[in-house]
Amino acid sequence: MARNDTWRSAPLGELERSLMELLWHADEPLSAYDLQDRLPENGEADRPRAATTVLTVLSRLERKGFVQRDRTARPHRYRAVASRDEHMAGLMHEVLGAADDRAALLARFVGGVSAEEAQTLRRLLGGA
């Protein structure tokens, strides 16, 4: 499936992140109403978020390339375009690409990983 990589640089707001977490953990595409039911209360008198708010945020996520909408189903169903791991890897590549000194950034990153993470990195780089 081809996709555009604008999702990497698009920042997510709080509600966008919440919806993406729900979609990343879902076994199947979800409607806005499914998502609305699964969202935690929004803190304003413990009221659920309005369906129109969820639909607006889903439209924004679709424009940013994070979700894909199935228009054949009623109500429309949404699914994440990329997995959470793919999204996080994209963010890591974006940060690395923006660095003035990539070697220094990588050295700092590697210096802060646990022994187990370092072993995983060695194993992964050995197979590259």
C-alpha atoms as a PDB file:
ATOM      1  CA  MET A   1       0.000   0.000   0.000  1.00  0.00           C
ATOM      2  CA  ALA A   2       1.503   3.286  -1.051  1.00  0.00           C
ATOM      3  CA  ARG A   3       1.213   6.188   1.297  1.00  0.00           C
ATOM      4  CA  ASN A   4       2.557   9.656   1.520  1.00  0.00           C
ATOM      5  CA  ASP A   5       5.009  10.335   4.320  1.00  0.00           C
ATOM      6  CA  THR A   6       3.598  13.689   5.456  1.00  0.00           C
ATOM      7  CA  TRP A   7       2.426  11.880   8.608  1.00  0.00           C
ATOM      8  CA  ARG A   8       5.991  11.930   9.877  1.00  0.00           C
ATOM      9  CA  SER A   9       6.198  15.666  10.263  1.00  0.00           C
ATOM     10  CA  ALA A  10       2.628  16.313  11.289  1.00  0.00           C
ATOM     11  CA  PRO A  11       2.435  16.974  15.022  1.00  0.00           C
ATOM     12  CA  LEU A  12      -0.451  15.417  16.917  1.00  0.00           C
ATOM     13  CA  GLY A  13      -2.652  17.236  19.386  1.00  0.00           C
ATOM     14  CA  GLU A  14      -3.887  15.595  22.578  1.00  0.00           C
ATOM     15  CA  LEU A  15      -7.192  14.328  21.146  1.00  0.00           C
ATOM     16  CA  GLU A  16      -5.470  13.240  17.928  1.00  0.00           C
ATOM     17  CA  ARG A  17      -2.982  11.176  19.966  1.00  0.00           C
ATOM     18  CA  SER A  18      -5.817   9.626  21.975  1.00  0.00           C
ATOM     19  CA  LEU A  19      -7.680   8.623  18.825  1.00  0.00           C
ATOM     20  CA  MET A  20      -4.517   7.249  17.230  1.00  0.00           C
ATOM     21  CA  GLU A  21      -3.766   5.153  20.320  1.00  0.00           C
ATOM     22  CA  LEU A  22      -7.246   3.656  20.091  1.00  0.00           C
ATOM     23  CA  LEU A  23      -6.846   2.944  16.371  1.00  0.00           C
ATOM     24  CA  TRP A  24      -3.347   1.489  16.818  1.00  0.00           C
ATOM     25  CA  HIS A  25      -4.688  -0.953  19.403  1.00  0.00           C
ATOM     26  CA  ALA A  26      -7.878  -1.843  17.517  1.00  0.00           C
ATOM     27  CA  ASP A  27      -8.201  -5.200  15.775  1.00  0.00           C
ATOM     28  CA  GLU A  28     -10.470  -3.717  13.114  1.00  0.00           C
ATOM     29  CA  PRO A  29     -11.437  -0.338  11.663  1.00  0.00           C
ATOM     30  CA  LEU A  30     -13.608   1.742  14.000  1.00  0.00           C
ATOM     31  CA  SER A  31     -16.350   4.300  13.445  1.00  0.00           C
ATOM     32  CA  ALA A  32     -16.260   7.733  15.043  1.00  0.00           C
ATOM     33  CA  TYR A  33     -18.971   6.524  17.423  1.00  0.00           C
ATOM     34  CA  ASP A  34     -16.875   3.495  18.446  1.00  0.00           C
ATOM     35  CA  LEU A  35     -13.974   5.835  19.132  1.00  0.00           C
ATOM     36  CA  GLN A  36     -16.167   8.310  20.987  1.00  0.00           C
ATOM     37  CA  ASP A  37     -17.359   5.514  23.297  1.00  0.00           C
ATOM     38  CA  ARG A  38     -13.781   4.408  24.020  1.00  0.00           C
ATOM     39  CA  LEU A  39     -12.325   7.850  24.731  1.00  0.00           C
ATOM     40  CA  PRO A  40     -11.762   8.804  28.351  1.00  0.00           C
ATOM     41  CA  GLU A  41     -13.955  11.610  29.704  1.00  0.00           C
ATOM     42  CA  ASN A  42     -12.765  15.029  28.593  1.00  0.00           C
ATOM     43  CA  GLY A  43     -12.679  16.593  32.040  1.00  0.00           C
ATOM     44  CA  GLU A  44     -15.414  19.138  31.334  1.00  0.00           C
ATOM     45  CA  ALA A  45     -18.054  18.026  33.844  1.00  0.00           C
ATOM     46  CA  ASP A  46     -17.120  14.434  32.953  1.00  0.00           C
ATOM     47  CA  ARG A  47     -18.962  14.705  29.655  1.00  0.00           C
ATOM     48  CA  PRO A  48     -18.027  12.595  26.638  1.00  0.00           C
ATOM     49  CA  ARG A  49     -16.701  14.418  23.619  1.00  0.00           C
ATOM     50  CA  ALA A  50     -19.266  15.255  20.975  1.00  0.00           C
ATOM     51  CA  ALA A  51     -19.403  12.992  17.927  1.00  0.00           C
ATOM     52  CA  THR A  52     -18.888  16.055  15.730  1.00  0.00           C
ATOM     53  CA  THR A  53     -15.633  16.808  17.549  1.00  0.00           C
ATOM     54  CA  VAL A  54     -14.393  13.247  17.005  1.00  0.00           C
ATOM     55  CA  LEU A  55     -15.374  13.407  13.324  1.00  0.00           C
ATOM     56  CA  THR A  56     -13.564  16.735  12.894  1.00  0.00           C
ATOM     57  CA  VAL A  57     -10.391  15.346  14.454  1.00  0.00           C
ATOM     58  CA  LEU A  58     -10.614  12.187  12.322  1.00  0.00           C
ATOM     59  CA  SER A  59     -10.900  14.381   9.200  1.00  0.00           C
ATOM     60  CA  ARG A  60      -7.781  16.239  10.307  1.00  0.00           C
ATOM     61  CA  LEU A  61      -5.955  12.941  10.873  1.00  0.00           C
ATOM     62  CA  GLU A  62      -7.030  11.790   7.413  1.00  0.00           C
ATOM     63  CA  ARG A  63      -5.656  14.986   5.826  1.00  0.00           C
ATOM     64  CA  LYS A  64      -2.386  14.501   7.712  1.00  0.00           C
ATOM     65  CA  GLY A  65      -2.139  10.947   6.382  1.00  0.00           C
ATOM     66  CA  PHE A  66      -2.518   9.146   9.720  1.00  0.00           C
ATOM     67  CA  VAL A  67      -5.847   7.418   9.059  1.00  0.00           C
ATOM     68  CA  GLN A  68      -7.708   5.996   6.123  1.00  0.00           C
ATOM     69  CA  ARG A  69     -11.488   6.168   5.936  1.00  0.00           C
ATOM     70  CA  ASP A  70     -13.631   3.387   4.497  1.00  0.00           C
ATOM     71  CA  ARG A  71     -16.453   5.255   2.794  1.00  0.00           C
ATOM     72  CA  THR A  72     -18.254   2.059   1.741  1.00  0.00           C
ATOM     73  CA  ALA A  73     -19.368   1.347   5.305  1.00  0.00           C
ATOM     74  CA  ARG A  74     -22.001   3.327   7.173  1.00  0.00           C
ATOM     75  CA  PRO A  75     -21.030   4.839   9.449  1.00  0.00           C
ATOM     76  CA  HIS A  76     -17.571   5.339   7.920  1.00  0.00           C
ATOM     77  CA  ARG A  77     -14.826   3.301   9.547  1.00  0.00           C
ATOM     78  CA  TYR A  78     -11.287   4.493  10.214  1.00  0.00           C
ATOM     79  CA  ARG A  79      -7.993   2.654  10.527  1.00  0.00           C
ATOM     80  CA  ALA A  80      -4.426   3.743  11.117  1.00  0.00           C
ATOM     81  CA  VAL A  81      -2.346   3.985   7.946  1.00  0.00           C
ATOM     82  CA  ALA A  82       0.841   2.986   9.763  1.00  0.00           C
ATOM     83  CA  SER A  83       1.457   1.105  12.987  1.00  0.00           C
ATOM     84  CA  ARG A  84       2.503   2.915  16.141  1.00  0.00           C
ATOM     85  CA  ASP A  85       6.024   1.490  15.728  1.00  0.00           C
ATOM     86  CA  GLU A  86       6.208   2.799  12.154  1.00  0.00           C
ATOM     87  CA  HIS A  87       5.063   6.209  13.356  1.00  0.00           C
ATOM     88  CA  MET A  88       7.666   6.284  16.144  1.00  0.00           C
ATOM     89  CA  ALA A  89      10.422   5.164  13.744  1.00  0.00           C
ATOM     90  CA  GLY A  90       9.380   7.949  11.378  1.00  0.00           C
ATOM     91  CA  LEU A  91       9.711  10.484  14.182  1.00  0.00           C
ATOM     92  CA  MET A  92      13.165   9.142  15.012  1.00  0.00           C
ATOM     93  CA  HIS A  93      14.225   9.456  11.350  1.00  0.00           C
ATOM     94  CA  GLU A  94      12.847  12.987  11.256  1.00  0.00           C
ATOM     95  CA  VAL A  95      14.890  14.001  14.307  1.00  0.00           C
ATOM     96  CA  LEU A  96      18.008  12.354  12.883  1.00  0.00           C
ATOM     97  CA  GLY A  97      17.466  14.076   9.536  1.00  0.00           C
ATOM     98  CA  ALA A  98      17.196  17.483  11.218  1.00  0.00           C
ATOM     99  CA  ALA A  99      20.426  17.089  13.202  1.00  0.00           C
ATOM    100  CA  ASP A 100      23.410  19.252  12.344  1.00  0.00           C
ATOM    101  CA  ASP A 101      25.771  16.535  13.574  1.00  0.00           C
ATOM    102  CA  ARG A 102      24.165  13.130  13.095  1.00  0.00           C
ATOM    103  CA  ALA A 103      27.125  11.266  14.584  1.00  0.00           C
ATOM    104  CA  ALA A 104      26.963  13.322  17.781  1.00  0.00           C
ATOM    105  CA  LEU A 105      23.213  12.791  18.031  1.00  0.00           C
ATOM    106  CA  LEU A 106      23.576   9.038  17.524  1.00  0.00           C
ATOM    107  CA  ALA A 107      26.399   8.903  20.080  1.00  0.00           C
ATOM    108  CA  ARG A 108      24.217  10.665  22.636  1.00  0.00           C
ATOM    109  CA  PHE A 109      21.314   8.375  21.898  1.00  0.00           C
ATOM    110  CA  VAL A 110      23.383   5.191  22.118  1.00  0.00           C
ATOM    111  CA  GLY A 111      25.035   6.454  25.308  1.00  0.00           C
ATOM    112  CA  GLY A 112      21.615   6.631  26.954  1.00  0.00           C
ATOM    113  CA  VAL A 113      20.281   3.179  26.097  1.00  0.00           C
ATOM    114  CA  SER A 114      20.215   0.252  28.491  1.00  0.00           C
ATOM    115  CA  ALA A 115      22.567  -2.715  28.105  1.00  0.00           C
ATOM    116  CA  GLU A 116      19.679  -4.774  26.742  1.00  0.00           C
ATOM    117  CA  GLU A 117      18.789  -2.077  24.188  1.00  0.00           C
ATOM    118  CA  ALA A 118      22.453  -1.809  23.160  1.00  0.00           C
ATOM    119  CA  GLN A 119      22.539  -5.575  22.610  1.00  0.00           C
ATOM    120  CA  THR A 120      19.414  -5.313  20.450  1.00  0.00           C
ATOM    121  CA  LEU A 121      20.997  -2.503  18.431  1.00  0.00           C
ATOM    122  CA  ARG A 122      24.167  -4.559  17.909  1.00  0.00           C
ATOM    123  CA  ARG A 123      22.110  -7.534  16.767  1.00  0.00           C
ATOM    124  CA  LEU A 124      20.045  -5.416  14.388  1.00  0.00           C
ATOM    125  CA  LEU A 125      23.079  -3.618  12.943  1.00  0.00           C
ATOM    126  CA  GLY A 126      24.936  -6.903  12.546  1.00  0.00           C
ATOM    127  CA  GLY A 127      22.192  -8.137  10.245  1.00  0.00           C
ATOM    128  CA  ALA A 128      22.093  -4.925   8.204  1.00  0.00           C
END
